C-alpha cells in the first residue's frame, strides 16, 4: 500500500466532504437532501481510489476521512449560523 498516496486521498476525501457536511447540517435529518449530502461524494472517492490503484485495505481509513469531513463541515455550519451581535444597554446609548 502506497502510504503517501493513501494519505493524499484521505485528505482529499475529507476536504471534499466539508461542503457536503456544511450543507447536510442545514437539512432535516434523513430527508432526501440529507441523504444526497451524505452519499453524493462517495462515488467520486471510490473512483479516485480505483484510478489511483489504492487497495481495498485503505477503505476504513478513507471512510474515516469521509466522516471527519462531514462532521467538521457540520461544525463549521453550527459556528457560522449564530451571528455575532453586540448588545447595547440603555446606559451605553446615552
PDB file of N, CA and C in Angstrom:
ATOM      1  N   UNK A   1       0.851  -1.186   0.000  1.00  0.00           N
ATOM      2  CA  UNK A   1       0.000   0.000   0.000  1.00  0.00           C
ATOM      3  C   UNK A   1       0.888   1.238   0.000  1.00  0.00           C
ATOM      4  N   UNK A   2       0.687   2.112  -0.956  1.00  0.00           N
ATOM      5  CA  UNK A   2       1.458   3.345  -1.053  1.00  0.00           C
ATOM      6  C   UNK A   2       0.905   4.340  -0.030  1.00  0.00           C
ATOM      7  N   UNK A   3       1.653   4.557   1.025  1.00  0.00           N
ATOM      8  CA  UNK A   3       1.176   5.344   2.158  1.00  0.00           C
ATOM      9  C   UNK A   3       0.920   6.805   1.796  1.00  0.00           C
ATOM     10  N   UNK A   4       1.841   7.409   1.049  1.00  0.00           N
ATOM     11  CA  UNK A   4       1.667   8.822   0.710  1.00  0.00           C
ATOM     12  C   UNK A   4       0.438   9.045  -0.164  1.00  0.00           C
ATOM     13  N   UNK A   5       0.233   8.181  -1.129  1.00  0.00           N
ATOM     14  CA  UNK A   5      -0.934   8.310  -1.999  1.00  0.00           C
ATOM     15  C   UNK A   5      -2.221   8.086  -1.220  1.00  0.00           C
ATOM     16  N   UNK A   6      -2.194   7.125  -0.296  1.00  0.00           N
ATOM     17  CA  UNK A   6      -3.363   6.862   0.539  1.00  0.00           C
ATOM     18  C   UNK A   6      -3.685   8.058   1.422  1.00  0.00           C
ATOM     19  N   UNK A   7      -2.664   8.635   2.038  1.00  0.00           N
ATOM     20  CA  UNK A   7      -2.889   9.809   2.884  1.00  0.00           C
ATOM     21  C   UNK A   7      -3.381  11.005   2.075  1.00  0.00           C
ATOM     22  N   UNK A   8      -2.875  11.154   0.860  1.00  0.00           N
ATOM     23  CA  UNK A   8      -3.339  12.228  -0.016  1.00  0.00           C
ATOM     24  C   UNK A   8      -4.814  12.038  -0.375  1.00  0.00           C
ATOM     25  N   UNK A   9      -5.206  10.807  -0.669  1.00  0.00           N
ATOM     26  CA  UNK A   9      -6.612  10.525  -0.963  1.00  0.00           C
ATOM     27  C   UNK A   9      -7.481  10.758   0.268  1.00  0.00           C
ATOM     28  N   UNK A  10      -6.991  10.403   1.446  1.00  0.00           N
ATOM     29  CA  UNK A  10      -7.747  10.646   2.674  1.00  0.00           C
ATOM     30  C   UNK A  10      -7.944  12.140   2.910  1.00  0.00           C
ATOM     31  N   UNK A  11      -6.901  12.914   2.701  1.00  0.00           N
ATOM     32  CA  UNK A  11      -7.012  14.367   2.847  1.00  0.00           C
ATOM     33  C   UNK A  11      -7.998  14.934   1.833  1.00  0.00           C
ATOM     34  N   UNK A  12      -7.901  14.451   0.593  1.00  0.00           N
ATOM     35  CA  UNK A  12      -8.842  14.897  -0.435  1.00  0.00           C
ATOM     36  C   UNK A  12     -10.275  14.525  -0.111  1.00  0.00           C
ATOM     37  N   UNK A  13     -10.482  13.325   0.434  1.00  0.00           N
ATOM     38  CA  UNK A  13     -11.832  12.897   0.809  1.00  0.00           C
ATOM     39  C   UNK A  13     -12.391  13.777   1.918  1.00  0.00           C
ATOM     40  N   UNK A  14     -11.539  14.133   2.869  1.00  0.00           N
ATOM     41  CA  UNK A  14     -12.008  14.986   3.959  1.00  0.00           C
ATOM     42  C   UNK A  14     -12.359  16.380   3.454  1.00  0.00           C
ATOM     43  N   UNK A  15     -11.501  16.947   2.622  1.00  0.00           N
ATOM     44  CA  UNK A  15     -11.751  18.289   2.083  1.00  0.00           C
ATOM     45  C   UNK A  15     -12.990  18.285   1.182  1.00  0.00           C
ATOM     46  N   UNK A  16     -13.158  17.237   0.384  1.00  0.00           N
ATOM     47  CA  UNK A  16     -14.329  17.133  -0.480  1.00  0.00           C
ATOM     48  C   UNK A  16     -15.618  17.074   0.331  1.00  0.00           C
ATOM     49  N   UNK A  17     -15.594  16.452   1.486  1.00  0.00           N
ATOM     50  CA  UNK A  17     -16.793  16.299   2.299  1.00  0.00           C
ATOM     51  C   UNK A  17     -17.118  17.520   3.154  1.00  0.00           C
ATOM     52  N   UNK A  18     -16.224  18.484   3.263  1.00  0.00           N
ATOM     53  CA  UNK A  18     -16.503  19.682   4.060  1.00  0.00           C
ATOM     54  C   UNK A  18     -17.754  20.426   3.579  1.00  0.00           C
ATOM     55  N   UNK A  19     -17.866  20.780   2.296  1.00  0.00           N
ATOM     56  CA  UNK A  19     -19.084  21.496   1.881  1.00  0.00           C
ATOM     57  C   UNK A  19     -20.345  20.626   1.974  1.00  0.00           C
ATOM     58  N   UNK A  20     -20.192  19.323   1.768  1.00  0.00           N
ATOM     59  CA  UNK A  20     -21.341  18.432   1.885  1.00  0.00           C
ATOM     60  C   UNK A  20     -21.799  18.330   3.344  1.00  0.00           C
ATOM     61  N   UNK A  21     -20.861  18.301   4.275  1.00  0.00           N
ATOM     62  CA  UNK A  21     -21.207  18.295   5.693  1.00  0.00           C
ATOM     63  C   UNK A  21     -21.828  19.610   6.119  1.00  0.00           C
ATOM     64  N   UNK A  22     -21.326  20.706   5.548  1.00  0.00           N
ATOM     65  CA  UNK A  22     -21.901  22.024   5.829  1.00  0.00           C
ATOM     66  C   UNK A  22     -23.358  22.071   5.380  1.00  0.00           C
ATOM     67  N   UNK A  23     -23.614  21.584   4.171  1.00  0.00           N
ATOM     68  CA  UNK A  23     -24.984  21.567   3.644  1.00  0.00           C
ATOM     69  C   UNK A  23     -25.864  20.605   4.442  1.00  0.00           C
ATOM     70  N   UNK A  24     -25.326  19.433   4.774  1.00  0.00           N
ATOM     71  CA  UNK A  24     -26.088  18.414   5.494  1.00  0.00           C
ATOM     72  C   UNK A  24     -26.573  18.930   6.843  1.00  0.00           C
ATOM     73  N   UNK A  25     -25.759  19.735   7.507  1.00  0.00           N
ATOM     74  CA  UNK A  25     -26.115  20.245   8.829  1.00  0.00           C
ATOM     75  C   UNK A  25     -27.319  21.182   8.779  1.00  0.00           C
ATOM     76  N   UNK A  26     -27.629  21.715   7.614  1.00  0.00           N
ATOM     77  CA  UNK A  26     -28.771  22.619   7.485  1.00  0.00           C
ATOM     78  C   UNK A  26     -30.023  21.947   6.966  1.00  0.00           C
ATOM     79  N   UNK A  27     -30.005  20.638   6.788  1.00  0.00           N
ATOM     80  CA  UNK A  27     -31.174  19.915   6.275  1.00  0.00           C
ATOM     81  C   UNK A  27     -31.804  19.083   7.376  1.00  0.00           C
ATOM     82  N   UNK A  28     -33.055  18.686   7.142  1.00  0.00           N
ATOM     83  CA  UNK A  28     -33.752  17.810   8.090  1.00  0.00           C
ATOM     84  C   UNK A  28     -33.131  16.417   8.015  1.00  0.00           C
ATOM     85  N   UNK A  29     -32.889  15.819   9.170  1.00  0.00           N
ATOM     86  CA  UNK A  29     -32.243  14.516   9.218  1.00  0.00           C
ATOM     87  C   UNK A  29     -33.081  13.475   8.493  1.00  0.00           C
ATOM     88  N   UNK A  30     -32.423  12.651   7.685  1.00  0.00           N
ATOM     89  CA  UNK A  30     -32.987  11.562   6.893  1.00  0.00           C
ATOM     90  C   UNK A  30     -33.915  12.039   5.776  1.00  0.00           C
ATOM     91  N   UNK A  31     -33.860  13.312   5.415  1.00  0.00           N
ATOM     92  CA  UNK A  31     -34.593  13.791   4.239  1.00  0.00           C
ATOM     93  C   UNK A  31     -33.792  13.425   2.989  1.00  0.00           C
ATOM     94  N   UNK A  32     -34.372  13.651   1.810  1.00  0.00           N
ATOM     95  CA  UNK A  32     -33.637  13.290   0.591  1.00  0.00           C
ATOM     96  C   UNK A  32     -32.423  14.199   0.401  1.00  0.00           C
ATOM     97  N   UNK A  33     -32.502  15.463   0.871  1.00  0.00           N
ATOM     98  CA  UNK A  33     -31.339  16.351   0.770  1.00  0.00           C
ATOM     99  C   UNK A  33     -30.214  15.867   1.689  1.00  0.00           C
ATOM    100  N   UNK A  34     -30.579  15.413   2.881  1.00  0.00           N
ATOM    101  CA  UNK A  34     -29.603  14.878   3.824  1.00  0.00           C
ATOM    102  C   UNK A  34     -28.932  13.641   3.232  1.00  0.00           C
ATOM    103  N   UNK A  35     -29.754  12.763   2.667  1.00  0.00           N
ATOM    104  CA  UNK A  35     -29.244  11.535   2.062  1.00  0.00           C
ATOM    105  C   UNK A  35     -28.259  11.847   0.934  1.00  0.00           C
ATOM    106  N   UNK A  36     -28.593  12.815   0.080  1.00  0.00           N
ATOM    107  CA  UNK A  36     -27.699  13.190  -1.012  1.00  0.00           C
ATOM    108  C   UNK A  36     -26.402  13.817  -0.488  1.00  0.00           C
ATOM    109  N   UNK A  37     -26.512  14.655   0.525  1.00  0.00           N
ATOM    110  CA  UNK A  37     -25.315  15.300   1.070  1.00  0.00           C
ATOM    111  C   UNK A  37     -24.349  14.275   1.663  1.00  0.00           C
ATOM    112  N   UNK A  38     -24.898  13.204   2.231  1.00  0.00           N
ATOM    113  CA  UNK A  38     -24.042  12.180   2.829  1.00  0.00           C
ATOM    114  C   UNK A  38     -23.438  11.270   1.760  1.00  0.00           C
ATOM    115  N   UNK A  39     -24.221  10.917   0.738  1.00  0.00           N
ATOM    116  CA  UNK A  39     -23.800   9.872  -0.196  1.00  0.00           C
ATOM    117  C   UNK A  39     -23.261  10.368  -1.541  1.00  0.00           C
ATOM    118  N   UNK A  40     -23.485  11.599  -1.908  1.00  0.00           N
ATOM    119  CA  UNK A  40     -23.051  12.085  -3.218  1.00  0.00           C
ATOM    120  C   UNK A  40     -21.539  12.053  -3.430  1.00  0.00           C
ATOM    121  N   UNK A  41     -20.710  12.376  -2.439  1.00  0.00           N
ATOM    122  CA  UNK A  41     -19.263  12.336  -2.683  1.00  0.00           C
ATOM    123  C   UNK A  41     -18.671  10.920  -2.755  1.00  0.00           C
ATOM    124  N   UNK A  42     -19.405   9.918  -2.317  1.00  0.00           N
ATOM    125  CA  UNK A  42     -18.861   8.559  -2.227  1.00  0.00           C
ATOM    126  C   UNK A  42     -18.429   8.002  -3.585  1.00  0.00           C
ATOM    127  N   UNK A  43     -19.255   8.074  -4.651  1.00  0.00           N
ATOM    128  CA  UNK A  43     -18.799   7.517  -5.934  1.00  0.00           C
ATOM    129  C   UNK A  43     -17.524   8.182  -6.470  1.00  0.00           C
ATOM    130  N   UNK A  44     -17.377   9.473  -6.236  1.00  0.00           N
ATOM    131  CA  UNK A  44     -16.168  10.165  -6.689  1.00  0.00           C
ATOM    132  C   UNK A  44     -14.939   9.652  -5.937  1.00  0.00           C
ATOM    133  N   UNK A  45     -15.077   9.453  -4.649  1.00  0.00           N
ATOM    134  CA  UNK A  45     -13.946   8.970  -3.860  1.00  0.00           C
ATOM    135  C   UNK A  45     -13.612   7.527  -4.225  1.00  0.00           C
ATOM    136  N   UNK A  46     -14.634   6.708  -4.459  1.00  0.00           N
ATOM    137  CA  UNK A  46     -14.393   5.322  -4.888  1.00  0.00           C
ATOM    138  C   UNK A  46     -13.672   5.310  -6.233  1.00  0.00           C
ATOM    139  N   UNK A  47     -14.115   6.170  -7.157  1.00  0.00           N
ATOM    140  CA  UNK A  47     -13.468   6.243  -8.472  1.00  0.00           C
ATOM    141  C   UNK A  47     -12.009   6.677  -8.337  1.00  0.00           C
ATOM    142  N   UNK A  48     -11.745   7.664  -7.486  1.00  0.00           N
ATOM    143  CA  UNK A  48     -10.362   8.111  -7.276  1.00  0.00           C
ATOM    144  C   UNK A  48      -9.506   6.997  -6.681  1.00  0.00           C
ATOM    145  N   UNK A  49     -10.081   6.221  -5.777  1.00  0.00           N
ATOM    146  CA  UNK A  49      -9.335   5.105  -5.190  1.00  0.00           C
ATOM    147  C   UNK A  49      -9.004   4.059  -6.244  1.00  0.00           C
ATOM    148  N   UNK A  50      -9.972   3.742  -7.093  1.00  0.00           N
ATOM    149  CA  UNK A  50      -9.741   2.734  -8.128  1.00  0.00           C
ATOM    150  C   UNK A  50      -8.750   3.216  -9.187  1.00  0.00           C
ATOM    151  N   UNK A  51      -8.867   4.472  -9.597  1.00  0.00           N
ATOM    152  CA  UNK A  51      -7.957   5.024 -10.612  1.00  0.00           C
ATOM    153  C   UNK A  51      -6.524   5.089 -10.083  1.00  0.00           C
ATOM    154  N   UNK A  52      -6.384   5.458  -8.811  1.00  0.00           N
ATOM    155  CA  UNK A  52      -5.033   5.591  -8.254  1.00  0.00           C
ATOM    156  C   UNK A  52      -4.406   4.250  -7.887  1.00  0.00           C
ATOM    157  N   UNK A  53      -5.188   3.186  -7.897  1.00  0.00           N
ATOM    158  CA  UNK A  53      -4.646   1.870  -7.614  1.00  0.00           C
ATOM    159  C   UNK A  53      -4.467   1.563  -6.144  1.00  0.00           C
ATOM    160  N   UNK A  54      -5.117   2.321  -5.291  1.00  0.00           N
ATOM    161  CA  UNK A  54      -5.028   2.070  -3.854  1.00  0.00           C
ATOM    162  C   UNK A  54      -5.871   0.841  -3.538  1.00  0.00           C
ATOM    163  N   UNK A  55      -5.338  -0.068  -2.732  1.00  0.00           N
ATOM    164  CA  UNK A  55      -6.024  -1.329  -2.448  1.00  0.00           C
ATOM    165  C   UNK A  55      -7.220  -1.128  -1.528  1.00  0.00           C
ATOM    166  N   UNK A  56      -8.012  -2.167  -1.428  1.00  0.00           N
ATOM    167  CA  UNK A  56      -9.208  -2.133  -0.596  1.00  0.00           C
ATOM    168  C   UNK A  56      -8.865  -2.029   0.889  1.00  0.00           C
ATOM    169  N   UNK A  57      -7.639  -2.325   1.256  1.00  0.00           N
ATOM    170  CA  UNK A  57      -7.228  -2.262   2.655  1.00  0.00           C
ATOM    171  C   UNK A  57      -7.277  -0.849   3.216  1.00  0.00           C
ATOM    172  N   UNK A  58      -7.279   0.158   2.343  1.00  0.00           N
ATOM    173  CA  UNK A  58      -7.304   1.551   2.782  1.00  0.00           C
ATOM    174  C   UNK A  58      -8.723   2.071   2.988  1.00  0.00           C
ATOM    175  N   UNK A  59      -9.725   1.273   2.658  1.00  0.00           N
ATOM    176  CA  UNK A  59     -11.111   1.740   2.733  1.00  0.00           C
ATOM    177  C   UNK A  59     -11.498   2.223   4.138  1.00  0.00           C
ATOM    178  N   UNK A  60     -11.143   1.515   5.226  1.00  0.00           N
ATOM    179  CA  UNK A  60     -11.524   2.043   6.546  1.00  0.00           C
ATOM    180  C   UNK A  60     -10.931   3.424   6.843  1.00  0.00           C
ATOM    181  N   UNK A  61      -9.699   3.652   6.412  1.00  0.00           N
ATOM    182  CA  UNK A  61      -9.075   4.954   6.628  1.00  0.00           C
ATOM    183  C   UNK A  61      -9.746   6.034   5.780  1.00  0.00           C
ATOM    184  N   UNK A  62     -10.072   5.703   4.546  1.00  0.00           N
ATOM    185  CA  UNK A  62     -10.756   6.654   3.671  1.00  0.00           C
ATOM    186  C   UNK A  62     -12.153   6.955   4.198  1.00  0.00           C
ATOM    187  N   UNK A  63     -12.859   5.924   4.668  1.00  0.00           N
ATOM    188  CA  UNK A  63     -14.198   6.108   5.239  1.00  0.00           C
ATOM    189  C   UNK A  63     -14.138   7.020   6.463  1.00  0.00           C
ATOM    190  N   UNK A  64     -13.128   6.824   7.299  1.00  0.00           N
ATOM    191  CA  UNK A  64     -12.967   7.675   8.477  1.00  0.00           C
ATOM    192  C   UNK A  64     -12.730   9.123   8.068  1.00  0.00           C
ATOM    193  N   UNK A  65     -11.983   9.338   6.998  1.00  0.00           N
ATOM    194  CA  UNK A  65     -11.744  10.690   6.496  1.00  0.00           C
ATOM    195  C   UNK A  65     -13.030  11.308   5.954  1.00  0.00           C
ATOM    196  N   UNK A  66     -13.859  10.495   5.294  1.00  0.00           N
ATOM    197  CA  UNK A  66     -15.157  10.978   4.815  1.00  0.00           C
ATOM    198  C   UNK A  66     -16.009  11.479   5.972  1.00  0.00           C
ATOM    199  N   UNK A  67     -16.102  10.660   6.993  1.00  0.00           N
ATOM    200  CA  UNK A  67     -16.923  11.008   8.158  1.00  0.00           C
ATOM    201  C   UNK A  67     -16.369  12.245   8.851  1.00  0.00           C
ATOM    202  N   UNK A  68     -15.053  12.337   8.965  1.00  0.00           N
ATOM    203  CA  UNK A  68     -14.435  13.507   9.598  1.00  0.00           C
ATOM    204  C   UNK A  68     -14.762  14.779   8.822  1.00  0.00           C
ATOM    205  N   UNK A  69     -14.727  14.710   7.489  1.00  0.00           N
ATOM    206  CA  UNK A  69     -15.083  15.874   6.681  1.00  0.00           C
ATOM    207  C   UNK A  69     -16.533  16.276   6.876  1.00  0.00           C
ATOM    208  N   UNK A  70     -17.429  15.302   6.958  1.00  0.00           N
ATOM    209  CA  UNK A  70     -18.848  15.595   7.199  1.00  0.00           C
ATOM    210  C   UNK A  70     -19.034  16.255   8.571  1.00  0.00           C
ATOM    211  N   UNK A  71     -18.373  15.718   9.578  1.00  0.00           N
ATOM    212  CA  UNK A  71     -18.526  16.260  10.935  1.00  0.00           C
ATOM    213  C   UNK A  71     -17.949  17.667  11.033  1.00  0.00           C
ATOM    214  N   UNK A  72     -16.767  17.870  10.474  1.00  0.00           N
ATOM    215  CA  UNK A  72     -16.132  19.193  10.534  1.00  0.00           C
ATOM    216  C   UNK A  72     -16.963  20.206   9.756  1.00  0.00           C
ATOM    217  N   UNK A  73     -17.481  19.814   8.588  1.00  0.00           N
ATOM    218  CA  UNK A  73     -18.340  20.717   7.827  1.00  0.00           C
ATOM    219  C   UNK A  73     -19.592  21.098   8.601  1.00  0.00           C
ATOM    220  N   UNK A  74     -20.181  20.131   9.306  1.00  0.00           N
ATOM    221  CA  UNK A  74     -21.343  20.436  10.143  1.00  0.00           C
ATOM    222  C   UNK A  74     -20.991  21.350  11.301  1.00  0.00           C
ATOM    223  N   UNK A  75     -19.799  21.167  11.859  1.00  0.00           N
ATOM    224  CA  UNK A  75     -19.360  22.031  12.955  1.00  0.00           C
ATOM    225  C   UNK A  75     -19.124  23.458  12.466  1.00  0.00           C
ATOM    226  N   UNK A  76     -18.630  23.594  11.246  1.00  0.00           N
ATOM    227  CA  UNK A  76     -18.430  24.927  10.678  1.00  0.00           C
ATOM    228  C   UNK A  76     -19.774  25.622  10.531  1.00  0.00           C
ATOM    229  N   UNK A  77     -20.779  24.890  10.037  1.00  0.00           N
ATOM    230  CA  UNK A  77     -22.111  25.485   9.885  1.00  0.00           C
ATOM    231  C   UNK A  77     -22.689  25.883  11.238  1.00  0.00           C
ATOM    232  N   UNK A  78     -22.501  25.062  12.244  1.00  0.00           N
ATOM    233  CA  UNK A  78     -23.018  25.381  13.575  1.00  0.00           C
ATOM    234  C   UNK A  78     -22.364  26.646  14.116  1.00  0.00           C
ATOM    235  N   UNK A  79     -21.099  26.851  13.807  1.00  0.00           N
ATOM    236  CA  UNK A  79     -20.410  28.054  14.262  1.00  0.00           C
ATOM    237  C   UNK A  79     -20.784  29.280  13.471  1.00  0.00           C
ATOM    238  N   UNK A  80     -21.168  29.100  12.217  1.00  0.00           N
ATOM    239  CA  UNK A  80     -21.485  30.227  11.345  1.00  0.00           C
ATOM    240  C   UNK A  80     -22.919  30.696  11.526  1.00  0.00           C
ATOM    241  N   UNK A  81     -23.824  29.795  11.888  1.00  0.00           N
ATOM    242  CA  UNK A  81     -25.248  30.131  11.873  1.00  0.00           C
ATOM    243  C   UNK A  81     -25.661  31.140  12.930  1.00  0.00           C
ATOM    244  N   UNK A  82     -24.886  31.304  13.994  1.00  0.00           N
ATOM    245  CA  UNK A  82     -25.231  32.283  15.012  1.00  0.00           C
ATOM    246  C   UNK A  82     -24.442  33.556  14.768  1.00  0.00           C
ATOM    247  N   UNK A  83     -25.101  34.631  14.354  1.00  0.00           N
ATOM    248  CA  UNK A  83     -24.373  35.867  14.087  1.00  0.00           C
ATOM    249  C   UNK A  83     -23.888  36.512  15.389  1.00  0.00           C
ATOM    250  N   UNK A  84     -22.786  37.187  15.292  1.00  0.00           N
ATOM    251  CA  UNK A  84     -22.233  37.877  16.451  1.00  0.00           C
ATOM    252  C   UNK A  84     -22.860  39.260  16.507  1.00  0.00           C
ATOM    253  N   UNK A  85     -23.542  39.540  17.600  1.00  0.00           N
ATOM    254  CA  UNK A  85     -24.164  40.853  17.772  1.00  0.00           C
ATOM    255  C   UNK A  85     -23.718  41.432  19.105  1.00  0.00           C
ATOM    256  N   UNK A  86     -23.663  42.719  19.144  1.00  0.00           N
ATOM    257  CA  UNK A  86     -23.310  43.403  20.376  1.00  0.00           C
ATOM    258  C   UNK A  86     -24.588  43.945  20.987  1.00  0.00           C
ATOM    259  N   UNK A  87     -24.809  43.592  22.254  1.00  0.00           N
ATOM    260  CA  UNK A  87     -25.977  44.116  22.945  1.00  0.00           C
ATOM    261  C   UNK A  87     -25.621  45.478  23.518  1.00  0.00           C
ATOM    262  N   UNK A  88     -26.522  46.430  23.311  1.00  0.00           N
ATOM    263  CA  UNK A  88     -26.297  47.787  23.812  1.00  0.00           C
ATOM    264  C   UNK A  88     -27.309  48.045  24.901  1.00  0.00           C
ATOM    265  N   UNK A  89     -26.822  48.402  26.056  1.00  0.00           N
ATOM    266  CA  UNK A  89     -27.742  48.723  27.172  1.00  0.00           C
ATOM    267  C   UNK A  89     -28.191  50.166  27.035  1.00  0.00           C
ATOM    268  N   UNK A  90     -29.201  50.496  27.798  1.00  0.00           N
ATOM    269  CA  UNK A  90     -29.756  51.838  27.752  1.00  0.00           C
ATOM    270  C   UNK A  90     -28.726  52.856  28.233  1.00  0.00           C
ATOM    271  N   UNK A  91     -27.930  52.495  29.243  1.00  0.00           N
ATOM    272  CA  UNK A  91     -26.954  53.437  29.768  1.00  0.00           C
ATOM    273  C   UNK A  91     -25.859  53.742  28.754  1.00  0.00           C
ATOM    274  N   UNK A  92     -25.454  52.748  27.942  1.00  0.00           N
ATOM    275  CA  UNK A  92     -24.411  52.978  26.954  1.00  0.00           C
ATOM    276  C   UNK A  92     -24.925  53.828  25.799  1.00  0.00           C
ATOM    277  N   UNK A  93     -26.224  53.793  25.554  1.00  0.00           N
ATOM    278  CA  UNK A  93     -26.805  54.511  24.427  1.00  0.00           C
ATOM    279  C   UNK A  93     -26.809  56.009  24.646  1.00  0.00           C
ATOM    280  N   UNK A  94     -26.826  56.455  25.886  1.00  0.00           N
ATOM    281  CA  UNK A  94     -26.927  57.889  26.184  1.00  0.00           C
ATOM    282  C   UNK A  94     -25.634  58.588  26.125  1.00  0.00           C
TER     283      UNK A  94
END
